[in-house]
Amino acid sequence: MTKKIYTVRKTKNGRDTIVSGDLQYIKEYFSYTLECGASWNRKINRYPKTIKSFISNLQKSYEEVEASCYERTYVKNITDKK
């Protein structure tokens, strides 16, 4: 069985970072951000099961961690729809 590859774009201060991989790899890549967000807000799921849930929880984590920042980080799933 082939794992689905997702592509996530993280934008901060006008700079984009592209991360591609299966859901497990992407969760590991952003695990520290999810952990920090969950430490501030218990409703943030550190172990999401779908890419949609992952993007939602990651965005909430960035909102918690960067609460007083003017330039915030935004994440988006840019995986090709096939």
C-alpha atoms as a PDB file:
ATOM      1  CA  MET A   1       0.000   0.000   0.000  1.00  0.00           C
ATOM      2  CA  THR A   2       1.366   3.390  -0.998  1.00  0.00           C
ATOM      3  CA  LYS A   3       1.216   6.239   1.475  1.00  0.00           C
ATOM      4  CA  LYS A   4      -0.330   9.481   0.283  1.00  0.00           C
ATOM      5  CA  ILE A   5       2.157  12.337  -0.016  1.00  0.00           C
ATOM      6  CA  TYR A   6       0.998  15.732   1.224  1.00  0.00           C
ATOM      7  CA  THR A   7       2.548  19.137   0.644  1.00  0.00           C
ATOM      8  CA  VAL A   8       2.213  21.833   3.295  1.00  0.00           C
ATOM      9  CA  ARG A   9       3.201  25.478   2.805  1.00  0.00           C
ATOM     10  CA  LYS A  10       4.202  27.510   5.873  1.00  0.00           C
ATOM     11  CA  THR A  11       4.294  31.282   5.329  1.00  0.00           C
ATOM     12  CA  LYS A  12       5.919  33.717   7.764  1.00  0.00           C
ATOM     13  CA  ASN A  13       7.195  37.222   7.051  1.00  0.00           C
ATOM     14  CA  GLY A  14       6.632  36.729   3.319  1.00  0.00           C
ATOM     15  CA  ARG A  15       8.823  33.627   3.198  1.00  0.00           C
ATOM     16  CA  ASP A  16       7.457  30.234   2.247  1.00  0.00           C
ATOM     17  CA  THR A  17       8.669  26.887   3.503  1.00  0.00           C
ATOM     18  CA  ILE A  18       7.404  23.818   1.662  1.00  0.00           C
ATOM     19  CA  VAL A  19       7.299  20.465   3.470  1.00  0.00           C
ATOM     20  CA  SER A  20       6.323  17.287   1.604  1.00  0.00           C
ATOM     21  CA  GLY A  21       5.853  13.779   2.899  1.00  0.00           C
ATOM     22  CA  ASP A  22       3.329  11.374   4.294  1.00  0.00           C
ATOM     23  CA  LEU A  23       1.186  12.462   7.234  1.00  0.00           C
ATOM     24  CA  GLN A  24       3.476  10.772   9.767  1.00  0.00           C
ATOM     25  CA  TYR A  25       6.548  12.653   8.491  1.00  0.00           C
ATOM     26  CA  ILE A  26       4.736  16.005   8.475  1.00  0.00           C
ATOM     27  CA  LYS A  27       3.459  15.435  12.027  1.00  0.00           C
ATOM     28  CA  GLU A  28       7.015  14.676  13.175  1.00  0.00           C
ATOM     29  CA  TYR A  29       8.363  17.763  11.355  1.00  0.00           C
ATOM     30  CA  PHE A  30       5.891  20.087  13.129  1.00  0.00           C
ATOM     31  CA  SER A  31       5.692  18.111  16.395  1.00  0.00           C
ATOM     32  CA  TYR A  32       7.385  20.792  18.503  1.00  0.00           C
ATOM     33  CA  THR A  33       4.928  23.455  17.341  1.00  0.00           C
ATOM     34  CA  LEU A  34       1.973  21.155  18.060  1.00  0.00           C
ATOM     35  CA  GLU A  35       3.398  20.375  21.500  1.00  0.00           C
ATOM     36  CA  CYS A  36       3.891  24.064  22.346  1.00  0.00           C
ATOM     37  CA  GLY A  37       0.398  24.945  21.156  1.00  0.00           C
ATOM     38  CA  ALA A  38      -1.120  22.097  23.161  1.00  0.00           C
ATOM     39  CA  SER A  39       0.700  23.302  26.277  1.00  0.00           C
ATOM     40  CA  TRP A  40      -1.170  26.632  25.971  1.00  0.00           C
ATOM     41  CA  ASN A  41      -4.508  25.239  24.783  1.00  0.00           C
ATOM     42  CA  ARG A  42      -5.578  21.742  25.823  1.00  0.00           C
ATOM     43  CA  LYS A  43      -8.055  21.520  22.910  1.00  0.00           C
ATOM     44  CA  ILE A  44      -5.216  21.282  20.362  1.00  0.00           C
ATOM     45  CA  ASN A  45      -4.761  17.684  19.239  1.00  0.00           C
ATOM     46  CA  ARG A  46      -1.085  16.725  19.070  1.00  0.00           C
ATOM     47  CA  TYR A  47      -1.862  13.517  17.143  1.00  0.00           C
ATOM     48  CA  PRO A  48      -4.346  14.353  14.354  1.00  0.00           C
ATOM     49  CA  LYS A  49      -5.409  11.507  12.066  1.00  0.00           C
ATOM     50  CA  THR A  50      -6.233  13.436   8.866  1.00  0.00           C
ATOM     51  CA  ILE A  51      -4.450  16.182   6.933  1.00  0.00           C
ATOM     52  CA  LYS A  52      -7.416  18.529   7.411  1.00  0.00           C
ATOM     53  CA  SER A  53      -7.320  18.047  11.171  1.00  0.00           C
ATOM     54  CA  PHE A  54      -3.534  18.416  11.146  1.00  0.00           C
ATOM     55  CA  ILE A  55      -3.642  21.766   9.313  1.00  0.00           C
ATOM     56  CA  SER A  56      -6.361  23.051  11.648  1.00  0.00           C
ATOM     57  CA  ASN A  57      -4.480  22.043  14.806  1.00  0.00           C
ATOM     58  CA  LEU A  58      -1.163  23.355  13.486  1.00  0.00           C
ATOM     59  CA  GLN A  59      -2.720  26.745  12.668  1.00  0.00           C
ATOM     60  CA  LYS A  60      -4.257  26.891  16.154  1.00  0.00           C
ATOM     61  CA  SER A  61      -0.846  26.051  17.621  1.00  0.00           C
ATOM     62  CA  TYR A  62       0.801  28.918  15.755  1.00  0.00           C
ATOM     63  CA  GLU A  63      -1.969  31.260  16.943  1.00  0.00           C
ATOM     64  CA  GLU A  64      -1.330  30.238  20.569  1.00  0.00           C
ATOM     65  CA  VAL A  65       2.463  30.446  20.339  1.00  0.00           C
ATOM     66  CA  GLU A  66       2.535  33.739  18.405  1.00  0.00           C
ATOM     67  CA  ALA A  67      -0.314  35.402  20.288  1.00  0.00           C
ATOM     68  CA  SER A  68       1.214  38.877  20.457  1.00  0.00           C
ATOM     69  CA  CYS A  69       3.151  38.855  17.172  1.00  0.00           C
ATOM     70  CA  TYR A  70       2.237  41.208  14.360  1.00  0.00           C
ATOM     71  CA  GLU A  71       3.513  38.908  11.599  1.00  0.00           C
ATOM     72  CA  ARG A  72       1.915  35.524  12.135  1.00  0.00           C
ATOM     73  CA  THR A  73       2.647  32.179  10.546  1.00  0.00           C
ATOM     74  CA  TYR A  74       0.044  30.645   8.235  1.00  0.00           C
ATOM     75  CA  VAL A  75      -0.099  27.060   7.008  1.00  0.00           C
ATOM     76  CA  LYS A  76      -1.974  25.587   4.068  1.00  0.00           C
ATOM     77  CA  ASN A  77      -2.314  22.175   2.449  1.00  0.00           C
ATOM     78  CA  ILE A  78      -1.251  22.620  -1.182  1.00  0.00           C
ATOM     79  CA  THR A  79      -1.372  18.957  -2.183  1.00  0.00           C
ATOM     80  CA  ASP A  80      -2.547  18.461  -5.764  1.00  0.00           C
ATOM     81  CA  LYS A  81      -6.171  17.341  -5.920  1.00  0.00           C
ATOM     82  CA  LYS A  82      -6.155  14.162  -8.032  1.00  0.00           C
END
